[in-house]
């Protein structure tokens, strides 16, 4: 597709909107760098669960990525709240990061309605594959 596709009458490729709720600035930078490499995702960052909830109530996102342990509202509780509500993001695909491992991740997977749970530290290839999967139009 040419750079002037929108001017040539072809529709411009739709960019996906993603919200990252992560209180650690280093993790924010890592995720932002990974997401930027995709080239089709616009990332907005919230520094805690309360800010993320406000953003989720205000506008629709294509993907929500939450850290499990954040100030004010933990990511797993935020996902449960969104799923139980009738807001614009109640069915939005969600990814949860957790520093837990092994049995704790299995237990978290059974109790949290996230579409994907990834352990920290984040594996770049696994993370990017998960984003592509969660943003598939068939979801």
N, C-alpha and C. Protein backbone atom coordinates (compact mmCIF):
# COMPACT_ATOMS: atom_id res chain seq x y z
N UNK A 1 0.84 -1.17 0.00
CA UNK A 1 0.00 0.00 0.00
C UNK A 1 0.89 1.23 0.00
N UNK A 2 0.54 2.20 -0.79
CA UNK A 2 1.36 3.41 -0.87
C UNK A 2 1.17 4.28 0.36
N UNK A 3 2.12 5.18 0.57
CA UNK A 3 2.02 6.10 1.70
C UNK A 3 0.83 7.02 1.55
N UNK A 4 0.40 7.23 0.34
CA UNK A 4 -0.74 8.11 0.07
C UNK A 4 -2.02 7.32 -0.14
N UNK A 5 -2.11 6.15 0.45
CA UNK A 5 -3.26 5.27 0.23
C UNK A 5 -4.58 5.98 0.52
N UNK A 6 -4.65 6.70 1.63
CA UNK A 6 -5.89 7.38 1.98
C UNK A 6 -6.24 8.40 0.91
N UNK A 7 -5.23 9.06 0.32
CA UNK A 7 -5.47 10.02 -0.74
C UNK A 7 -5.81 9.33 -2.05
N UNK A 8 -5.34 8.09 -2.24
CA UNK A 8 -5.60 7.33 -3.46
C UNK A 8 -6.98 6.69 -3.45
N UNK A 9 -7.76 6.91 -2.39
CA UNK A 9 -9.08 6.32 -2.33
C UNK A 9 -9.14 5.02 -1.54
N UNK A 10 -8.00 4.48 -1.16
CA UNK A 10 -7.99 3.28 -0.33
C UNK A 10 -8.12 3.69 1.12
N UNK A 11 -8.84 2.89 1.93
CA UNK A 11 -8.94 3.25 3.34
C UNK A 11 -7.59 3.09 4.04
N UNK A 12 -7.30 3.99 4.95
CA UNK A 12 -6.07 3.88 5.73
C UNK A 12 -6.21 2.69 6.68
N UNK A 13 -5.11 2.02 6.95
CA UNK A 13 -5.14 0.89 7.87
C UNK A 13 -5.55 1.39 9.25
N UNK A 14 -6.44 0.65 9.89
CA UNK A 14 -6.92 1.03 11.21
C UNK A 14 -5.88 0.68 12.26
N UNK A 15 -5.60 1.63 13.11
CA UNK A 15 -4.66 1.40 14.21
C UNK A 15 -5.45 0.90 15.41
N UNK A 16 -4.85 0.02 16.17
CA UNK A 16 -5.48 -0.52 17.37
C UNK A 16 -5.13 0.37 18.56
N UNK A 17 -6.08 0.56 19.44
CA UNK A 17 -5.83 1.35 20.65
C UNK A 17 -5.68 0.39 21.83
N UNK A 18 -4.64 0.64 22.60
CA UNK A 18 -4.29 -0.24 23.70
C UNK A 18 -4.04 0.58 24.96
N UNK A 19 -4.56 0.11 26.08
CA UNK A 19 -4.29 0.74 27.36
C UNK A 19 -3.39 -0.17 28.17
N UNK A 20 -2.29 0.37 28.63
CA UNK A 20 -1.39 -0.33 29.54
C UNK A 20 -1.54 0.31 30.91
N UNK A 21 -1.87 -0.48 31.92
CA UNK A 21 -1.90 -0.01 33.30
C UNK A 21 -0.76 -0.70 34.03
N UNK A 22 0.26 0.07 34.33
CA UNK A 22 1.50 -0.45 34.93
C UNK A 22 2.12 0.65 35.76
N UNK A 23 2.41 0.37 37.03
CA UNK A 23 2.95 1.41 37.90
C UNK A 23 4.47 1.53 37.83
N UNK A 24 5.15 0.53 37.32
CA UNK A 24 6.61 0.55 37.24
C UNK A 24 7.05 1.23 35.94
N UNK A 25 7.81 2.32 36.05
CA UNK A 25 8.20 3.08 34.86
C UNK A 25 9.11 2.31 33.91
N UNK A 26 9.97 1.46 34.44
CA UNK A 26 10.84 0.65 33.57
C UNK A 26 9.99 -0.33 32.76
N UNK A 27 9.03 -0.97 33.42
CA UNK A 27 8.13 -1.89 32.71
C UNK A 27 7.31 -1.14 31.66
N UNK A 28 6.87 0.07 31.99
CA UNK A 28 6.14 0.89 31.01
C UNK A 28 6.98 1.11 29.76
N UNK A 29 8.24 1.46 29.95
CA UNK A 29 9.14 1.72 28.82
C UNK A 29 9.38 0.46 27.99
N UNK A 30 9.57 -0.67 28.66
CA UNK A 30 9.80 -1.93 27.94
C UNK A 30 8.58 -2.28 27.09
N UNK A 31 7.40 -2.22 27.71
CA UNK A 31 6.17 -2.55 26.97
C UNK A 31 5.97 -1.57 25.82
N UNK A 32 6.17 -0.29 26.07
CA UNK A 32 6.01 0.71 25.01
C UNK A 32 6.95 0.43 23.83
N UNK A 33 8.19 0.04 24.13
CA UNK A 33 9.15 -0.28 23.08
C UNK A 33 8.69 -1.51 22.29
N UNK A 34 8.25 -2.54 22.98
CA UNK A 34 7.77 -3.75 22.30
C UNK A 34 6.56 -3.43 21.41
N UNK A 35 5.60 -2.69 21.96
CA UNK A 35 4.37 -2.37 21.23
C UNK A 35 4.68 -1.49 20.02
N UNK A 36 5.60 -0.55 20.17
CA UNK A 36 5.96 0.32 19.05
C UNK A 36 6.51 -0.48 17.87
N UNK A 37 7.17 -1.59 18.17
CA UNK A 37 7.74 -2.40 17.09
C UNK A 37 6.67 -3.04 16.20
N UNK A 38 5.45 -3.12 16.68
CA UNK A 38 4.36 -3.67 15.87
C UNK A 38 3.94 -2.72 14.77
N UNK A 39 4.00 -1.43 15.05
CA UNK A 39 3.71 -0.43 14.04
C UNK A 39 2.24 -0.13 13.81
N UNK A 40 1.32 -0.81 14.48
CA UNK A 40 -0.10 -0.56 14.25
C UNK A 40 -0.90 -0.38 15.54
N UNK A 41 -0.21 -0.23 16.66
CA UNK A 41 -0.89 -0.10 17.94
C UNK A 41 -0.52 1.23 18.59
N UNK A 42 -1.55 1.98 18.98
CA UNK A 42 -1.36 3.21 19.75
C UNK A 42 -1.52 2.85 21.22
N UNK A 43 -0.51 3.19 22.02
CA UNK A 43 -0.49 2.81 23.43
C UNK A 43 -0.73 4.02 24.32
N UNK A 44 -1.66 3.87 25.24
CA UNK A 44 -1.87 4.87 26.29
C UNK A 44 -1.49 4.21 27.60
N UNK A 45 -0.86 4.97 28.50
CA UNK A 45 -0.36 4.39 29.74
C UNK A 45 -1.04 5.03 30.94
N UNK A 46 -1.51 4.17 31.85
CA UNK A 46 -2.04 4.60 33.15
C UNK A 46 -1.07 4.10 34.21
N UNK A 47 -0.83 4.91 35.22
CA UNK A 47 0.17 4.57 36.25
C UNK A 47 -0.40 3.78 37.42
N UNK A 48 -1.70 3.61 37.48
CA UNK A 48 -2.30 2.83 38.57
C UNK A 48 -3.69 2.35 38.14
N UNK A 49 -4.27 1.49 38.96
CA UNK A 49 -5.56 0.91 38.63
C UNK A 49 -6.70 1.91 38.60
N UNK A 50 -6.66 2.90 39.47
CA UNK A 50 -7.73 3.90 39.50
C UNK A 50 -7.73 4.72 38.21
N UNK A 51 -6.54 5.14 37.76
CA UNK A 51 -6.43 5.88 36.51
C UNK A 51 -6.90 5.01 35.34
N UNK A 52 -6.52 3.74 35.35
CA UNK A 52 -6.94 2.82 34.28
C UNK A 52 -8.46 2.67 34.25
N UNK A 53 -9.08 2.54 35.41
CA UNK A 53 -10.53 2.42 35.47
C UNK A 53 -11.20 3.65 34.88
N UNK A 54 -10.70 4.83 35.23
CA UNK A 54 -11.26 6.06 34.67
C UNK A 54 -11.16 6.10 33.16
N UNK A 55 -10.02 5.70 32.62
CA UNK A 55 -9.85 5.68 31.16
C UNK A 55 -10.77 4.66 30.52
N UNK A 56 -10.93 3.50 31.15
CA UNK A 56 -11.81 2.45 30.61
C UNK A 56 -13.27 2.88 30.61
N UNK A 57 -13.65 3.71 31.56
CA UNK A 57 -15.03 4.20 31.61
C UNK A 57 -15.26 5.32 30.59
N UNK A 58 -14.18 5.99 30.20
CA UNK A 58 -14.30 7.16 29.33
C UNK A 58 -14.28 6.83 27.84
N UNK A 59 -13.55 5.76 27.46
CA UNK A 59 -13.46 5.47 26.02
C UNK A 59 -13.17 4.00 25.76
N UNK A 60 -13.45 3.57 24.54
CA UNK A 60 -13.28 2.19 24.12
C UNK A 60 -11.84 1.96 23.69
N UNK A 61 -11.29 0.83 24.13
CA UNK A 61 -9.96 0.37 23.70
C UNK A 61 -10.13 -0.95 22.97
N UNK A 62 -9.13 -1.30 22.15
CA UNK A 62 -9.13 -2.59 21.46
C UNK A 62 -8.45 -3.67 22.30
N UNK A 63 -7.60 -3.26 23.24
CA UNK A 63 -6.87 -4.20 24.09
C UNK A 63 -6.52 -3.51 25.40
N UNK A 64 -6.67 -4.25 26.50
CA UNK A 64 -6.31 -3.75 27.82
C UNK A 64 -5.22 -4.65 28.39
N UNK A 65 -4.13 -4.03 28.83
CA UNK A 65 -3.01 -4.77 29.42
C UNK A 65 -2.79 -4.22 30.83
N UNK A 66 -2.95 -5.07 31.82
CA UNK A 66 -2.85 -4.64 33.20
C UNK A 66 -1.80 -5.44 33.95
N UNK A 67 -1.07 -4.74 34.83
CA UNK A 67 -0.20 -5.42 35.77
C UNK A 67 -1.09 -5.91 36.91
N UNK A 68 -0.75 -7.05 37.47
CA UNK A 68 -1.59 -7.60 38.53
C UNK A 68 -1.54 -6.73 39.78
N UNK A 69 -0.36 -6.35 40.22
CA UNK A 69 -0.24 -5.59 41.47
C UNK A 69 0.08 -4.14 41.18
N UNK A 70 -0.97 -3.31 41.30
CA UNK A 70 -0.84 -1.87 41.09
C UNK A 70 -1.44 -1.15 42.29
N UNK A 71 -1.07 0.11 42.47
CA UNK A 71 -1.71 0.89 43.52
C UNK A 71 -3.21 1.08 43.25
N UNK A 72 -3.98 1.15 44.29
CA UNK A 72 -5.42 1.44 44.32
C UNK A 72 -6.29 0.28 43.87
N UNK A 73 -6.10 -0.23 42.66
CA UNK A 73 -6.90 -1.37 42.19
C UNK A 73 -5.95 -2.32 41.46
N UNK A 74 -5.89 -3.56 41.90
CA UNK A 74 -5.04 -4.55 41.23
C UNK A 74 -5.65 -4.91 39.88
N UNK A 75 -4.79 -5.32 38.95
CA UNK A 75 -5.23 -5.62 37.60
C UNK A 75 -6.28 -6.70 37.50
N UNK A 76 -6.14 -7.78 38.30
CA UNK A 76 -7.14 -8.86 38.23
C UNK A 76 -8.50 -8.38 38.73
N UNK A 77 -8.52 -7.54 39.74
CA UNK A 77 -9.79 -6.99 40.24
C UNK A 77 -10.40 -6.03 39.23
N UNK A 78 -9.56 -5.28 38.57
CA UNK A 78 -10.03 -4.35 37.54
C UNK A 78 -10.68 -5.12 36.39
N UNK A 79 -10.07 -6.21 35.98
CA UNK A 79 -10.66 -7.03 34.90
C UNK A 79 -12.00 -7.59 35.34
N UNK A 80 -12.07 -8.12 36.57
CA UNK A 80 -13.35 -8.66 37.07
C UNK A 80 -14.42 -7.57 37.08
N UNK A 81 -14.05 -6.37 37.51
CA UNK A 81 -15.00 -5.26 37.56
C UNK A 81 -15.50 -4.91 36.15
N UNK A 82 -14.57 -4.81 35.21
CA UNK A 82 -14.96 -4.46 33.84
C UNK A 82 -15.86 -5.53 33.23
N UNK A 83 -15.54 -6.79 33.45
CA UNK A 83 -16.33 -7.89 32.90
C UNK A 83 -17.76 -7.89 33.47
N UNK A 84 -17.90 -7.50 34.73
CA UNK A 84 -19.20 -7.53 35.39
C UNK A 84 -20.04 -6.29 35.08
N UNK A 85 -19.44 -5.27 34.50
CA UNK A 85 -20.15 -4.02 34.24
C UNK A 85 -20.69 -4.00 32.82
N UNK A 86 -21.41 -2.94 32.52
CA UNK A 86 -21.94 -2.79 31.15
C UNK A 86 -21.28 -1.59 30.46
N UNK A 87 -19.98 -1.38 30.74
CA UNK A 87 -19.28 -0.26 30.11
C UNK A 87 -18.76 -0.66 28.73
N UNK A 88 -18.17 0.30 28.03
CA UNK A 88 -17.72 0.07 26.65
C UNK A 88 -16.58 -0.94 26.55
N UNK A 89 -15.90 -1.25 27.65
CA UNK A 89 -14.79 -2.19 27.62
C UNK A 89 -15.10 -3.51 28.34
N UNK A 90 -16.36 -3.80 28.57
CA UNK A 90 -16.70 -5.02 29.30
C UNK A 90 -16.31 -6.29 28.54
N UNK A 91 -16.22 -6.21 27.22
CA UNK A 91 -15.85 -7.38 26.43
C UNK A 91 -14.50 -7.21 25.73
N UNK A 92 -13.79 -6.14 26.04
CA UNK A 92 -12.49 -5.88 25.42
C UNK A 92 -11.49 -6.95 25.83
N UNK A 93 -10.70 -7.48 24.90
CA UNK A 93 -9.67 -8.47 25.26
C UNK A 93 -8.71 -7.90 26.31
N UNK A 94 -8.32 -8.75 27.25
CA UNK A 94 -7.45 -8.31 28.34
C UNK A 94 -6.25 -9.24 28.49
N UNK A 95 -5.14 -8.62 28.87
CA UNK A 95 -3.91 -9.35 29.18
C UNK A 95 -3.48 -8.91 30.57
N UNK A 96 -3.06 -9.86 31.38
CA UNK A 96 -2.62 -9.57 32.74
C UNK A 96 -1.17 -9.99 32.90
N UNK A 97 -0.35 -9.10 33.44
CA UNK A 97 1.04 -9.43 33.77
C UNK A 97 1.10 -9.79 35.25
N UNK A 98 1.90 -10.79 35.57
CA UNK A 98 2.07 -11.16 36.97
C UNK A 98 3.50 -11.58 37.23
N UNK A 99 4.03 -11.14 38.38
CA UNK A 99 5.36 -11.58 38.79
C UNK A 99 5.29 -12.96 39.43
N UNK A 100 4.08 -13.47 39.61
CA UNK A 100 3.91 -14.83 40.14
C UNK A 100 4.38 -15.84 39.12
N UNK A 101 4.58 -17.06 39.58
CA UNK A 101 4.99 -18.11 38.65
C UNK A 101 4.41 -19.44 39.08
N UNK A 102 4.52 -20.42 38.20
CA UNK A 102 4.11 -21.79 38.51
C UNK A 102 2.68 -21.92 38.95
N UNK A 103 2.47 -22.53 40.12
CA UNK A 103 1.14 -22.82 40.63
C UNK A 103 0.32 -21.55 40.85
N UNK A 104 1.00 -20.45 41.21
CA UNK A 104 0.28 -19.19 41.42
C UNK A 104 -0.35 -18.69 40.12
N UNK A 105 0.35 -18.87 39.01
CA UNK A 105 -0.20 -18.45 37.71
C UNK A 105 -1.40 -19.32 37.36
N UNK A 106 -1.30 -20.61 37.60
CA UNK A 106 -2.42 -21.53 37.32
C UNK A 106 -3.63 -21.12 38.15
N UNK A 107 -3.40 -20.84 39.42
CA UNK A 107 -4.49 -20.43 40.30
C UNK A 107 -5.08 -19.10 39.84
N UNK A 108 -4.24 -18.16 39.46
CA UNK A 108 -4.69 -16.87 38.97
C UNK A 108 -5.52 -17.06 37.70
N UNK A 109 -5.07 -17.93 36.82
CA UNK A 109 -5.80 -18.20 35.59
C UNK A 109 -7.19 -18.74 35.84
N UNK A 110 -7.34 -19.50 36.91
CA UNK A 110 -8.65 -20.07 37.24
C UNK A 110 -9.58 -19.03 37.88
N UNK A 111 -9.00 -17.99 38.50
CA UNK A 111 -9.83 -17.03 39.22
C UNK A 111 -10.02 -15.70 38.50
N UNK A 112 -9.22 -15.43 37.49
CA UNK A 112 -9.28 -14.14 36.81
C UNK A 112 -9.77 -14.33 35.37
N UNK A 113 -10.75 -13.51 34.95
CA UNK A 113 -11.28 -13.66 33.59
C UNK A 113 -10.44 -13.01 32.48
N UNK A 114 -9.14 -12.84 32.72
CA UNK A 114 -8.28 -12.28 31.68
C UNK A 114 -8.20 -13.25 30.50
N UNK A 115 -8.08 -12.70 29.31
CA UNK A 115 -7.95 -13.54 28.12
C UNK A 115 -6.56 -14.16 28.02
N UNK A 116 -5.57 -13.50 28.62
CA UNK A 116 -4.19 -13.98 28.56
C UNK A 116 -3.48 -13.53 29.83
N UNK A 117 -2.71 -14.44 30.43
CA UNK A 117 -1.89 -14.09 31.60
C UNK A 117 -0.45 -14.42 31.26
N UNK A 118 0.42 -13.43 31.40
CA UNK A 118 1.84 -13.61 31.12
C UNK A 118 2.65 -13.34 32.37
N UNK A 119 3.69 -14.15 32.57
CA UNK A 119 4.59 -13.96 33.70
C UNK A 119 5.62 -12.89 33.38
N UNK A 120 6.04 -12.19 34.42
CA UNK A 120 7.17 -11.26 34.30
C UNK A 120 8.42 -12.02 34.68
N UNK A 121 9.57 -11.73 34.13
CA UNK A 121 9.78 -10.70 33.11
C UNK A 121 9.12 -11.11 31.79
N UNK A 122 8.71 -10.11 31.05
CA UNK A 122 7.97 -10.32 29.81
C UNK A 122 8.90 -10.83 28.72
N UNK A 123 8.49 -11.91 28.08
CA UNK A 123 9.20 -12.43 26.92
C UNK A 123 8.67 -11.69 25.70
N UNK A 124 9.54 -11.00 24.99
CA UNK A 124 9.14 -10.15 23.86
C UNK A 124 8.32 -10.92 22.82
N UNK A 125 8.82 -12.05 22.35
CA UNK A 125 8.12 -12.79 21.30
C UNK A 125 6.77 -13.31 21.77
N UNK A 126 6.71 -13.82 22.98
CA UNK A 126 5.45 -14.31 23.54
C UNK A 126 4.45 -13.17 23.68
N UNK A 127 4.93 -12.03 24.17
CA UNK A 127 4.08 -10.87 24.36
C UNK A 127 3.51 -10.36 23.04
N UNK A 128 4.36 -10.20 22.03
CA UNK A 128 3.90 -9.69 20.74
C UNK A 128 2.96 -10.67 20.06
N UNK A 129 3.22 -11.97 20.19
CA UNK A 129 2.31 -12.97 19.64
C UNK A 129 0.95 -12.89 20.33
N UNK A 130 0.96 -12.68 21.64
CA UNK A 130 -0.29 -12.57 22.40
C UNK A 130 -1.08 -11.34 21.95
N UNK A 131 -0.40 -10.22 21.73
CA UNK A 131 -1.10 -9.02 21.25
C UNK A 131 -1.74 -9.29 19.90
N UNK A 132 -0.98 -9.88 18.98
CA UNK A 132 -1.54 -10.18 17.65
C UNK A 132 -2.76 -11.09 17.77
N UNK A 133 -2.66 -12.09 18.62
CA UNK A 133 -3.77 -13.03 18.81
C UNK A 133 -5.00 -12.33 19.39
N UNK A 134 -4.78 -11.51 20.41
CA UNK A 134 -5.91 -10.83 21.06
C UNK A 134 -6.55 -9.77 20.19
N UNK A 135 -5.83 -9.24 19.23
CA UNK A 135 -6.37 -8.21 18.35
C UNK A 135 -6.98 -8.78 17.06
N UNK A 136 -7.02 -10.10 16.94
CA UNK A 136 -7.61 -10.70 15.75
C UNK A 136 -9.07 -10.29 15.64
N UNK A 137 -9.52 -9.93 14.44
CA UNK A 137 -10.91 -9.48 14.27
C UNK A 137 -11.95 -10.54 14.61
N UNK A 138 -11.57 -11.79 14.58
CA UNK A 138 -12.53 -12.87 14.85
C UNK A 138 -12.87 -13.00 16.33
N UNK A 139 -12.17 -12.30 17.18
CA UNK A 139 -12.42 -12.38 18.63
C UNK A 139 -13.73 -11.74 18.99
